[in-house]
């Protein structure tokens, strides 16, 4: 490797694929390990970031995995870590978590209200598909009101639970039954 290429790389970067110059030349390659490939691709599309979802761990510039996989340290993650591939750990396998990770990776400004409403829309789809209640992340009163309005527009019941600052909306399928 020549001296010029070494100076273009950020301090601590061990792989040529992680340099800023290489990121501008080609999309960053991310390998989903235990994470929904379809959801990751959707998060990339929605944010419009230059990321290609890798099919193979060997061609990846970074790995995205879930907390439970990272804790158990399978051989593939150990190999990636020993090769200097950054590993990003998500709490849950949701599009919102993936978008937050990508936004922080690419230094994007994330509007918390927009993210909360996107989470609500995703949860409405889950409730309608599964028929099970879904609890959303804690929000301020204004955002909770918007979430309740979205639930009403989609023929779902909703209620706020918990105490401030952890008060959150629960979306409940409107099956004509009583609240629990």
N, C-alpha and C. Protein backbone atom coordinates (compact mmCIF):
# COMPACT_ATOMS: atom_id res chain seq x y z
N UNK A 1 0.86 -1.17 0.00
CA UNK A 1 0.00 0.00 0.00
C UNK A 1 0.90 1.23 0.00
N UNK A 2 0.59 2.23 -0.84
CA UNK A 2 1.43 3.42 -0.90
C UNK A 2 1.09 4.40 0.21
N UNK A 3 2.00 5.37 0.42
CA UNK A 3 1.83 6.32 1.52
C UNK A 3 0.60 7.20 1.35
N UNK A 4 0.29 7.58 0.10
CA UNK A 4 -0.87 8.45 -0.15
C UNK A 4 -2.17 7.76 0.27
N UNK A 5 -2.31 6.47 -0.08
CA UNK A 5 -3.52 5.73 0.28
C UNK A 5 -3.64 5.60 1.79
N UNK A 6 -2.50 5.46 2.47
CA UNK A 6 -2.53 5.32 3.93
C UNK A 6 -2.96 6.63 4.60
N UNK A 7 -2.60 7.78 4.01
CA UNK A 7 -2.99 9.05 4.62
C UNK A 7 -4.43 9.42 4.34
N UNK A 8 -5.02 8.88 3.29
CA UNK A 8 -6.43 9.15 2.98
C UNK A 8 -7.36 8.44 3.95
N UNK A 9 -6.86 7.39 4.57
CA UNK A 9 -7.70 6.58 5.45
C UNK A 9 -7.80 7.22 6.82
N UNK A 10 -9.00 7.21 7.44
CA UNK A 10 -9.12 7.75 8.79
C UNK A 10 -8.26 6.95 9.78
N UNK A 11 -7.87 7.59 10.87
CA UNK A 11 -7.08 6.92 11.89
C UNK A 11 -7.88 5.75 12.44
N UNK A 12 -7.23 4.61 12.54
CA UNK A 12 -7.88 3.42 13.08
C UNK A 12 -8.56 2.57 12.02
N UNK A 13 -8.69 3.06 10.80
CA UNK A 13 -9.30 2.26 9.74
C UNK A 13 -8.27 1.27 9.22
N UNK A 14 -8.63 0.01 9.19
CA UNK A 14 -7.68 -1.01 8.76
C UNK A 14 -8.00 -1.57 7.40
N UNK A 15 -9.17 -1.25 6.87
CA UNK A 15 -9.56 -1.80 5.58
C UNK A 15 -9.71 -0.68 4.57
N UNK A 16 -9.25 -0.90 3.35
CA UNK A 16 -9.41 0.13 2.33
C UNK A 16 -10.87 0.45 2.06
N UNK A 17 -11.77 -0.50 2.21
CA UNK A 17 -13.19 -0.27 1.93
C UNK A 17 -13.85 0.67 2.91
N UNK A 18 -13.21 0.94 4.05
CA UNK A 18 -13.84 1.81 5.03
C UNK A 18 -13.38 3.26 4.90
N UNK A 19 -12.52 3.58 3.93
CA UNK A 19 -12.07 4.96 3.78
C UNK A 19 -13.14 5.82 3.14
N UNK A 20 -13.09 7.12 3.40
CA UNK A 20 -14.06 8.05 2.83
C UNK A 20 -13.96 8.05 1.30
N UNK A 21 -12.73 8.00 0.77
CA UNK A 21 -12.55 8.02 -0.68
C UNK A 21 -13.19 6.78 -1.31
N UNK A 22 -13.01 5.63 -0.68
CA UNK A 22 -13.61 4.41 -1.23
C UNK A 22 -15.12 4.45 -1.12
N UNK A 23 -15.64 5.07 -0.05
CA UNK A 23 -17.10 5.17 0.09
C UNK A 23 -17.70 6.01 -1.01
N UNK A 24 -17.00 7.06 -1.42
CA UNK A 24 -17.51 7.90 -2.50
C UNK A 24 -17.42 7.20 -3.84
N UNK A 25 -16.43 6.30 -4.02
CA UNK A 25 -16.24 5.61 -5.29
C UNK A 25 -17.27 4.50 -5.48
N UNK A 26 -17.63 3.81 -4.44
CA UNK A 26 -18.60 2.72 -4.53
C UNK A 26 -19.42 2.68 -3.26
N UNK A 27 -20.61 2.08 -3.33
CA UNK A 27 -21.44 2.00 -2.12
C UNK A 27 -20.78 1.14 -1.05
N UNK A 28 -21.03 1.49 0.18
CA UNK A 28 -20.55 0.68 1.30
C UNK A 28 -21.29 -0.65 1.27
N UNK A 29 -20.59 -1.74 1.46
CA UNK A 29 -21.18 -3.06 1.42
C UNK A 29 -21.44 -3.54 2.85
N UNK A 30 -22.71 -3.83 3.16
CA UNK A 30 -23.10 -4.24 4.52
C UNK A 30 -23.69 -5.64 4.46
N UNK A 31 -23.20 -6.52 5.33
CA UNK A 31 -23.70 -7.90 5.39
C UNK A 31 -24.64 -8.05 6.57
N UNK A 32 -25.91 -8.44 6.31
CA UNK A 32 -26.85 -8.66 7.42
C UNK A 32 -26.69 -10.06 8.01
N UNK A 33 -26.24 -10.16 9.24
CA UNK A 33 -26.08 -11.45 9.91
C UNK A 33 -27.19 -11.62 10.94
N UNK A 34 -28.17 -12.46 10.63
CA UNK A 34 -29.30 -12.65 11.53
C UNK A 34 -30.29 -11.51 11.48
N UNK A 35 -30.15 -10.66 10.47
CA UNK A 35 -31.02 -9.49 10.30
C UNK A 35 -31.76 -9.66 8.98
N UNK A 36 -32.99 -9.21 8.92
CA UNK A 36 -33.78 -9.33 7.71
C UNK A 36 -33.16 -8.52 6.56
N UNK A 37 -32.75 -9.24 5.52
CA UNK A 37 -32.16 -8.59 4.34
C UNK A 37 -33.17 -7.65 3.69
N UNK A 38 -34.41 -8.09 3.62
CA UNK A 38 -35.46 -7.28 2.98
C UNK A 38 -35.67 -5.97 3.72
N UNK A 39 -35.72 -6.03 5.05
CA UNK A 39 -35.91 -4.81 5.85
C UNK A 39 -34.70 -3.88 5.74
N UNK A 40 -33.50 -4.46 5.71
CA UNK A 40 -32.30 -3.64 5.57
C UNK A 40 -32.29 -2.94 4.22
N UNK A 41 -32.67 -3.66 3.17
CA UNK A 41 -32.73 -3.05 1.83
C UNK A 41 -33.77 -1.93 1.80
N UNK A 42 -34.91 -2.13 2.48
CA UNK A 42 -35.95 -1.10 2.54
C UNK A 42 -35.45 0.14 3.28
N UNK A 43 -34.73 -0.06 4.38
CA UNK A 43 -34.18 1.07 5.14
C UNK A 43 -33.18 1.85 4.29
N UNK A 44 -32.37 1.14 3.52
CA UNK A 44 -31.40 1.79 2.63
C UNK A 44 -32.13 2.61 1.57
N UNK A 45 -33.18 2.03 0.99
CA UNK A 45 -33.97 2.75 -0.04
C UNK A 45 -34.62 4.00 0.54
N UNK A 46 -35.23 3.88 1.73
CA UNK A 46 -35.94 5.01 2.33
C UNK A 46 -35.01 6.16 2.69
N UNK A 47 -33.79 5.83 3.14
CA UNK A 47 -32.85 6.88 3.50
C UNK A 47 -32.03 7.38 2.31
N UNK A 48 -31.94 6.56 1.27
CA UNK A 48 -31.18 6.96 0.09
C UNK A 48 -29.68 7.03 0.33
N UNK A 49 -29.17 6.17 1.20
CA UNK A 49 -27.74 6.16 1.49
C UNK A 49 -27.02 5.20 0.54
N UNK A 50 -25.74 5.46 0.24
CA UNK A 50 -25.00 4.60 -0.68
C UNK A 50 -24.53 3.31 -0.01
N UNK A 51 -25.45 2.37 0.12
CA UNK A 51 -25.15 1.09 0.76
C UNK A 51 -25.64 -0.03 -0.14
N UNK A 52 -24.79 -1.03 -0.32
CA UNK A 52 -25.18 -2.25 -1.02
C UNK A 52 -25.25 -3.36 0.02
N UNK A 53 -26.30 -4.13 -0.02
CA UNK A 53 -26.45 -5.24 0.93
C UNK A 53 -25.69 -6.43 0.36
N UNK A 54 -24.65 -6.86 1.08
CA UNK A 54 -23.76 -7.91 0.61
C UNK A 54 -24.40 -9.29 0.75
N UNK A 55 -24.07 -10.16 -0.17
CA UNK A 55 -24.56 -11.54 -0.12
C UNK A 55 -23.57 -12.45 0.62
N UNK A 56 -22.32 -11.99 0.74
CA UNK A 56 -21.28 -12.81 1.34
C UNK A 56 -20.49 -11.97 2.35
N UNK A 57 -20.14 -12.58 3.45
CA UNK A 57 -19.40 -11.89 4.51
C UNK A 57 -18.03 -11.41 4.03
N UNK A 58 -17.42 -12.15 3.11
CA UNK A 58 -16.08 -11.80 2.62
C UNK A 58 -16.05 -10.49 1.84
N UNK A 59 -17.15 -10.12 1.22
CA UNK A 59 -17.18 -8.89 0.42
C UNK A 59 -17.73 -7.70 1.19
N UNK A 60 -18.01 -7.87 2.48
CA UNK A 60 -18.65 -6.82 3.28
C UNK A 60 -17.63 -5.84 3.88
N UNK A 61 -18.02 -4.56 3.88
CA UNK A 61 -17.24 -3.52 4.56
C UNK A 61 -17.68 -3.40 6.02
N UNK A 62 -18.89 -3.89 6.33
CA UNK A 62 -19.43 -3.84 7.69
C UNK A 62 -20.46 -4.96 7.84
N UNK A 63 -20.74 -5.31 9.09
CA UNK A 63 -21.73 -6.35 9.40
C UNK A 63 -22.78 -5.75 10.32
N UNK A 64 -24.04 -6.07 10.08
CA UNK A 64 -25.14 -5.67 10.95
C UNK A 64 -25.73 -6.94 11.53
N UNK A 65 -25.86 -6.97 12.85
CA UNK A 65 -26.40 -8.15 13.50
C UNK A 65 -27.29 -7.75 14.67
N UNK A 66 -27.95 -8.73 15.26
CA UNK A 66 -28.80 -8.50 16.42
C UNK A 66 -28.02 -8.78 17.69
N UNK A 67 -28.46 -8.18 18.78
CA UNK A 67 -27.77 -8.29 20.06
C UNK A 67 -27.59 -9.75 20.49
N UNK A 68 -28.64 -10.57 20.32
CA UNK A 68 -28.53 -11.96 20.78
C UNK A 68 -27.50 -12.75 19.97
N UNK A 69 -27.36 -12.44 18.67
CA UNK A 69 -26.33 -13.10 17.87
C UNK A 69 -24.94 -12.63 18.30
N UNK A 70 -24.81 -11.34 18.54
CA UNK A 70 -23.52 -10.79 18.92
C UNK A 70 -23.05 -11.37 20.25
N UNK A 71 -23.98 -11.54 21.19
CA UNK A 71 -23.62 -12.09 22.50
C UNK A 71 -23.14 -13.53 22.40
N UNK A 72 -23.74 -14.32 21.49
CA UNK A 72 -23.35 -15.73 21.38
C UNK A 72 -22.06 -15.91 20.56
N UNK A 73 -21.60 -14.86 19.87
CA UNK A 73 -20.33 -14.85 19.13
C UNK A 73 -20.14 -16.07 18.22
N UNK A 74 -20.98 -16.23 17.19
CA UNK A 74 -20.75 -17.33 16.25
C UNK A 74 -19.43 -17.12 15.49
N UNK A 75 -18.95 -18.17 14.87
CA UNK A 75 -17.65 -18.14 14.19
C UNK A 75 -17.57 -17.04 13.14
N UNK A 76 -18.65 -16.82 12.40
CA UNK A 76 -18.64 -15.80 11.34
C UNK A 76 -18.40 -14.41 11.92
N UNK A 77 -19.02 -14.10 13.04
CA UNK A 77 -18.82 -12.78 13.67
C UNK A 77 -17.43 -12.66 14.26
N UNK A 78 -16.92 -13.75 14.84
CA UNK A 78 -15.56 -13.72 15.37
C UNK A 78 -14.55 -13.47 14.25
N UNK A 79 -14.77 -14.14 13.11
CA UNK A 79 -13.87 -13.95 11.95
C UNK A 79 -13.92 -12.51 11.45
N UNK A 80 -15.14 -11.97 11.33
CA UNK A 80 -15.29 -10.60 10.84
C UNK A 80 -14.59 -9.63 11.79
N UNK A 81 -14.76 -9.84 13.08
CA UNK A 81 -14.15 -8.97 14.08
C UNK A 81 -12.62 -9.05 14.02
N UNK A 82 -12.11 -10.26 13.86
CA UNK A 82 -10.65 -10.42 13.80
C UNK A 82 -10.07 -9.84 12.52
N UNK A 83 -10.87 -9.74 11.45
CA UNK A 83 -10.42 -9.15 10.19
C UNK A 83 -10.59 -7.63 10.17
N UNK A 84 -11.09 -7.06 11.26
CA UNK A 84 -11.23 -5.61 11.34
C UNK A 84 -12.49 -5.07 10.70
N UNK A 85 -13.46 -5.92 10.43
CA UNK A 85 -14.73 -5.47 9.85
C UNK A 85 -15.60 -4.92 10.98
N UNK A 86 -16.07 -3.67 10.87
CA UNK A 86 -16.92 -3.13 11.93
C UNK A 86 -18.24 -3.90 12.03
N UNK A 87 -18.70 -4.13 13.26
CA UNK A 87 -19.96 -4.84 13.49
C UNK A 87 -20.91 -3.88 14.20
N UNK A 88 -22.09 -3.68 13.60
CA UNK A 88 -23.11 -2.81 14.18
C UNK A 88 -24.19 -3.71 14.76
N UNK A 89 -24.51 -3.48 16.03
CA UNK A 89 -25.44 -4.35 16.76
C UNK A 89 -26.77 -3.61 16.96
N UNK A 90 -27.86 -4.26 16.54
CA UNK A 90 -29.21 -3.72 16.70
C UNK A 90 -29.91 -4.43 17.85
N UNK A 91 -30.82 -3.73 18.50
CA UNK A 91 -31.61 -4.35 19.57
C UNK A 91 -32.69 -5.25 18.97
N UNK A 92 -33.37 -4.73 17.94
CA UNK A 92 -34.46 -5.49 17.33
C UNK A 92 -34.33 -5.47 15.81
N UNK A 93 -35.03 -6.38 15.17
CA UNK A 93 -34.97 -6.56 13.73
C UNK A 93 -36.05 -5.71 13.04
N UNK A 94 -36.05 -4.39 13.30
CA UNK A 94 -37.06 -3.52 12.71
C UNK A 94 -36.41 -2.52 11.76
N UNK A 95 -37.21 -2.03 10.84
CA UNK A 95 -36.73 -1.04 9.88
C UNK A 95 -36.28 0.22 10.60
N UNK A 96 -37.00 0.61 11.64
CA UNK A 96 -36.65 1.81 12.39
C UNK A 96 -35.25 1.69 12.99
N UNK A 97 -34.94 0.56 13.60
CA UNK A 97 -33.61 0.34 14.17
C UNK A 97 -32.54 0.42 13.08
N UNK A 98 -32.83 -0.17 11.93
CA UNK A 98 -31.87 -0.16 10.83
C UNK A 98 -31.67 1.24 10.28
N UNK A 99 -32.77 2.00 10.17
CA UNK A 99 -32.66 3.38 9.69
C UNK A 99 -31.85 4.23 10.67
N UNK A 100 -32.07 4.04 11.97
CA UNK A 100 -31.31 4.79 12.97
C UNK A 100 -29.82 4.46 12.87
N UNK A 101 -29.49 3.18 12.68
CA UNK A 101 -28.10 2.77 12.53
C UNK A 101 -27.49 3.41 11.29
N UNK A 102 -28.19 3.36 10.17
CA UNK A 102 -27.68 3.94 8.92
C UNK A 102 -27.55 5.46 9.04
N UNK A 103 -28.52 6.09 9.69
CA UNK A 103 -28.47 7.55 9.86
C UNK A 103 -27.26 7.95 10.69
N UNK A 104 -26.97 7.20 11.74
CA UNK A 104 -25.80 7.54 12.55
C UNK A 104 -24.51 7.22 11.80
N UNK A 105 -24.53 6.19 10.99
CA UNK A 105 -23.35 5.80 10.21
C UNK A 105 -23.00 6.87 9.17
N UNK A 106 -24.01 7.48 8.57
CA UNK A 106 -23.79 8.48 7.52
C UNK A 106 -24.02 9.90 8.01
N UNK A 107 -24.08 10.10 9.32
CA UNK A 107 -24.25 11.43 9.92
C UNK A 107 -25.45 12.18 9.36
N UNK A 108 -26.58 11.49 9.24
CA UNK A 108 -27.80 12.12 8.75
C UNK A 108 -28.57 12.70 9.93
N UNK A 109 -29.24 13.80 9.68
CA UNK A 109 -30.11 14.38 10.70
C UNK A 109 -31.39 13.54 10.74
N UNK A 110 -31.72 13.02 11.88
CA UNK A 110 -32.93 12.22 12.02
C UNK A 110 -33.97 13.01 12.80
N UNK A 111 -35.13 13.20 12.21
CA UNK A 111 -36.21 13.91 12.88
C UNK A 111 -36.93 12.91 13.79
N UNK A 112 -36.86 13.09 15.11
CA UNK A 112 -37.46 12.11 16.01
C UNK A 112 -38.97 11.97 15.82
N UNK A 113 -39.65 13.07 15.49
CA UNK A 113 -41.09 12.99 15.28
C UNK A 113 -41.40 12.15 14.04
N UNK A 114 -40.66 12.37 12.97
CA UNK A 114 -40.87 11.59 11.75
C UNK A 114 -40.59 10.11 12.00
N UNK A 115 -39.53 9.82 12.75
CA UNK A 115 -39.19 8.44 13.08
C UNK A 115 -40.30 7.79 13.91
N UNK A 116 -40.87 8.54 14.85
CA UNK A 116 -41.94 8.01 15.70
C UNK A 116 -43.18 7.71 14.87
N UNK A 117 -43.49 8.58 13.92
CA UNK A 117 -44.67 8.35 13.08
C UNK A 117 -44.44 7.20 12.12
N UNK A 118 -43.20 7.03 11.66
CA UNK A 118 -42.88 5.88 10.80
C UNK A 118 -42.99 4.59 11.61
N UNK A 119 -42.53 4.64 12.87
CA UNK A 119 -42.66 3.48 13.75
C UNK A 119 -44.14 3.15 13.95
N UNK A 120 -44.98 4.18 14.11
CA UNK A 120 -46.41 3.98 14.31
C UNK A 120 -47.03 3.32 13.08
N UNK A 121 -46.68 3.79 11.89
CA UNK A 121 -47.22 3.20 10.66
C UNK A 121 -46.81 1.74 10.54
N UNK A 122 -45.55 1.44 10.87
CA UNK A 122 -45.08 0.06 10.83
C UNK A 122 -45.83 -0.80 11.84
N UNK A 123 -46.04 -0.27 13.04
CA UNK A 123 -46.74 -1.00 14.09
C UNK A 123 -48.21 -1.23 13.73
N UNK A 124 -48.83 -0.25 13.07
CA UNK A 124 -50.23 -0.41 12.64
C UNK A 124 -50.33 -1.61 11.69
N UNK A 125 -49.40 -1.71 10.77
CA UNK A 125 -49.37 -2.86 9.86
C UNK A 125 -49.21 -4.17 10.61
N UNK A 126 -48.35 -4.18 11.63
CA UNK A 126 -48.15 -5.39 12.44
C UNK A 126 -49.41 -5.78 13.19
N UNK A 127 -50.07 -4.80 13.79
CA UNK A 127 -51.29 -5.08 14.55
C UNK A 127 -52.38 -5.60 13.61
N UNK A 128 -52.52 -4.98 12.46
CA UNK A 128 -53.54 -5.42 11.51
C UNK A 128 -53.24 -6.82 10.98
N UNK A 129 -51.98 -7.13 10.77
CA UNK A 129 -51.61 -8.44 10.24
C UNK A 129 -51.70 -9.54 11.30
N UNK A 130 -51.24 -9.24 12.52
CA UNK A 130 -51.17 -10.28 13.55
C UNK A 130 -52.37 -10.31 14.48
N UNK A 131 -53.06 -9.17 14.62
CA UNK A 131 -54.18 -9.12 15.56
C UNK A 131 -53.73 -9.02 17.00
N UNK A 132 -52.45 -8.72 17.23
CA UNK A 132 -51.91 -8.61 18.58
C UNK A 132 -51.55 -7.16 18.89
N UNK A 133 -51.67 -6.76 20.15
CA UNK A 133 -51.30 -5.39 20.52
C UNK A 133 -49.80 -5.15 20.36
N UNK A 134 -49.44 -3.90 20.07
CA UNK A 134 -48.04 -3.51 19.93
C UNK A 134 -47.83 -2.23 20.75
N UNK A 135 -46.75 -2.22 21.54
CA UNK A 135 -46.39 -1.04 22.32
C UNK A 135 -45.31 -0.27 21.57
N UNK A 136 -45.49 1.03 21.47
CA UNK A 136 -44.53 1.88 20.78
C UNK A 136 -43.50 2.43 21.76
N UNK A 137 -42.46 3.06 21.23
CA UNK A 137 -41.44 3.64 22.10
C UNK A 137 -42.00 4.89 22.79
N UNK A 138 -41.47 5.24 23.95
CA UNK A 138 -41.96 6.42 24.68
C UNK A 138 -41.81 7.70 23.85
N UNK A 139 -42.83 8.58 23.94
CA UNK A 139 -42.85 9.84 23.19
C UNK A 139 -43.44 10.93 24.06
N UNK A 140 -43.27 12.16 23.61
CA UNK A 140 -43.89 13.28 24.31
C UNK A 140 -45.39 13.32 23.99
N UNK A 141 -46.12 14.16 24.70
CA UNK A 141 -47.59 14.20 24.58
C UNK A 141 -48.05 14.52 23.16
N UNK A 142 -47.38 15.46 22.51
CA UNK A 142 -47.79 15.85 21.16
C UNK A 142 -47.66 14.68 20.18
N UNK A 143 -46.55 13.99 20.21
CA UNK A 143 -46.34 12.85 19.30
C UNK A 143 -47.32 11.73 19.63
N UNK A 144 -47.57 11.51 20.94
CA UNK A 144 -48.54 10.47 21.31
C UNK A 144 -49.92 10.80 20.76
N UNK A 145 -50.30 12.08 20.78
CA UNK A 145 -51.59 12.48 20.22
C UNK A 145 -51.65 12.15 18.74
N UNK A 146 -50.57 12.43 18.01
CA UNK A 146 -50.52 12.09 16.59
C UNK A 146 -50.61 10.58 16.38
N UNK A 147 -49.97 9.82 17.25
CA UNK A 147 -50.02 8.36 17.15
C UNK A 147 -51.45 7.84 17.39
N UNK A 148 -52.14 8.42 18.38
CA UNK A 148 -53.54 8.05 18.63
C UNK A 148 -54.41 8.36 17.41
N UNK A 149 -54.17 9.51 16.77
CA UNK A 149 -54.94 9.89 15.58
C UNK A 149 -54.69 8.91 14.44
N UNK A 150 -53.44 8.49 14.27
CA UNK A 150 -53.13 7.51 13.22
C UNK A 150 -53.84 6.19 13.49
N UNK A 151 -53.87 5.77 14.75
CA UNK A 151 -54.54 4.53 15.12
C UNK A 151 -56.03 4.62 14.82
N UNK A 152 -56.64 5.76 15.16
CA UNK A 152 -58.07 5.95 14.92
C UNK A 152 -58.38 5.91 13.43
N UNK A 153 -57.54 6.54 12.61
CA UNK A 153 -57.74 6.55 11.16
C UNK A 153 -57.65 5.15 10.56
N UNK A 154 -56.93 4.26 11.25
CA UNK A 154 -56.76 2.89 10.76
C UNK A 154 -57.64 1.89 11.51
N UNK A 155 -58.68 2.38 12.17
CA UNK A 155 -59.67 1.56 12.87
C UNK A 155 -59.04 0.67 13.94
N UNK A 156 -58.08 1.24 14.68
CA UNK A 156 -57.47 0.53 15.80
C UNK A 156 -57.75 1.32 17.07
N UNK A 157 -57.80 0.60 18.19
CA UNK A 157 -57.90 1.27 19.47
C UNK A 157 -56.48 1.56 19.94
N UNK A 158 -56.35 2.57 20.79
CA UNK A 158 -55.03 2.89 21.34
C UNK A 158 -55.21 3.46 22.73
N UNK A 159 -54.17 3.33 23.52
CA UNK A 159 -54.17 3.93 24.85
C UNK A 159 -52.73 4.25 25.23
N UNK A 160 -52.60 5.24 26.08
CA UNK A 160 -51.27 5.60 26.58
C UNK A 160 -51.03 4.85 27.88
N UNK A 161 -49.81 4.38 28.04
CA UNK A 161 -49.44 3.62 29.23
C UNK A 161 -48.16 4.15 29.82
N UNK A 162 -47.96 3.92 31.10
CA UNK A 162 -46.73 4.31 31.77
C UNK A 162 -46.79 5.73 32.30
N UNK A 163 -45.71 6.13 32.95
CA UNK A 163 -45.61 7.47 33.52
C UNK A 163 -44.53 8.23 32.77
N UNK A 164 -44.68 9.56 32.73
CA UNK A 164 -43.67 10.39 32.08
C UNK A 164 -42.31 10.15 32.72
N UNK A 165 -41.23 10.16 32.05
CA UNK A 165 -41.05 10.42 30.62
C UNK A 165 -41.13 9.15 29.76
N UNK A 166 -41.56 8.04 30.36
CA UNK A 166 -41.63 6.78 29.61
C UNK A 166 -43.04 6.43 29.17
N UNK A 167 -43.90 7.42 29.07
CA UNK A 167 -45.28 7.19 28.64
C UNK A 167 -45.28 6.86 27.16
N UNK A 168 -46.03 5.84 26.79
CA UNK A 168 -46.03 5.37 25.40
C UNK A 168 -47.42 4.91 24.99
N UNK A 169 -47.61 4.79 23.69
CA UNK A 169 -48.89 4.38 23.13
C UNK A 169 -48.87 2.88 22.87
N UNK A 170 -49.98 2.24 23.19
CA UNK A 170 -50.18 0.83 22.85
C UNK A 170 -51.28 0.78 21.80
N UNK A 171 -51.00 0.12 20.69
CA UNK A 171 -51.99 -0.06 19.63
C UNK A 171 -52.66 -1.40 19.82
N UNK A 172 -54.01 -1.39 19.79
CA UNK A 172 -54.78 -2.59 20.09
C UNK A 172 -55.74 -2.84 18.94
N UNK A 173 -55.82 -4.08 18.46
CA UNK A 173 -56.78 -4.37 17.38
C UNK A 173 -58.20 -4.12 17.86
N UNK A 174 -59.00 -3.50 17.03
CA UNK A 174 -60.40 -3.19 17.38
C UNK A 174 -61.26 -4.36 16.94
N UNK A 175 -61.34 -5.36 17.81
CA UNK A 175 -62.13 -6.56 17.49
C UNK A 175 -63.51 -6.50 18.13
N UNK A 176 -63.87 -5.32 18.60
CA UNK A 176 -65.19 -5.17 19.23
C UNK A 176 -65.21 -5.65 20.68
N UNK A 177 -64.09 -6.19 21.15
CA UNK A 177 -64.02 -6.69 22.51
C UNK A 177 -63.71 -5.58 23.50
N UNK A 178 -63.60 -5.97 24.73
CA UNK A 178 -63.29 -5.00 25.78
C UNK A 178 -61.79 -4.85 25.92
N UNK A 179 -61.40 -3.74 26.48
CA UNK A 179 -59.98 -3.51 26.76
C UNK A 179 -59.56 -4.38 27.90
N UNK A 180 -58.30 -4.79 27.85
CA UNK A 180 -57.79 -5.62 28.94
C UNK A 180 -57.29 -4.79 30.06
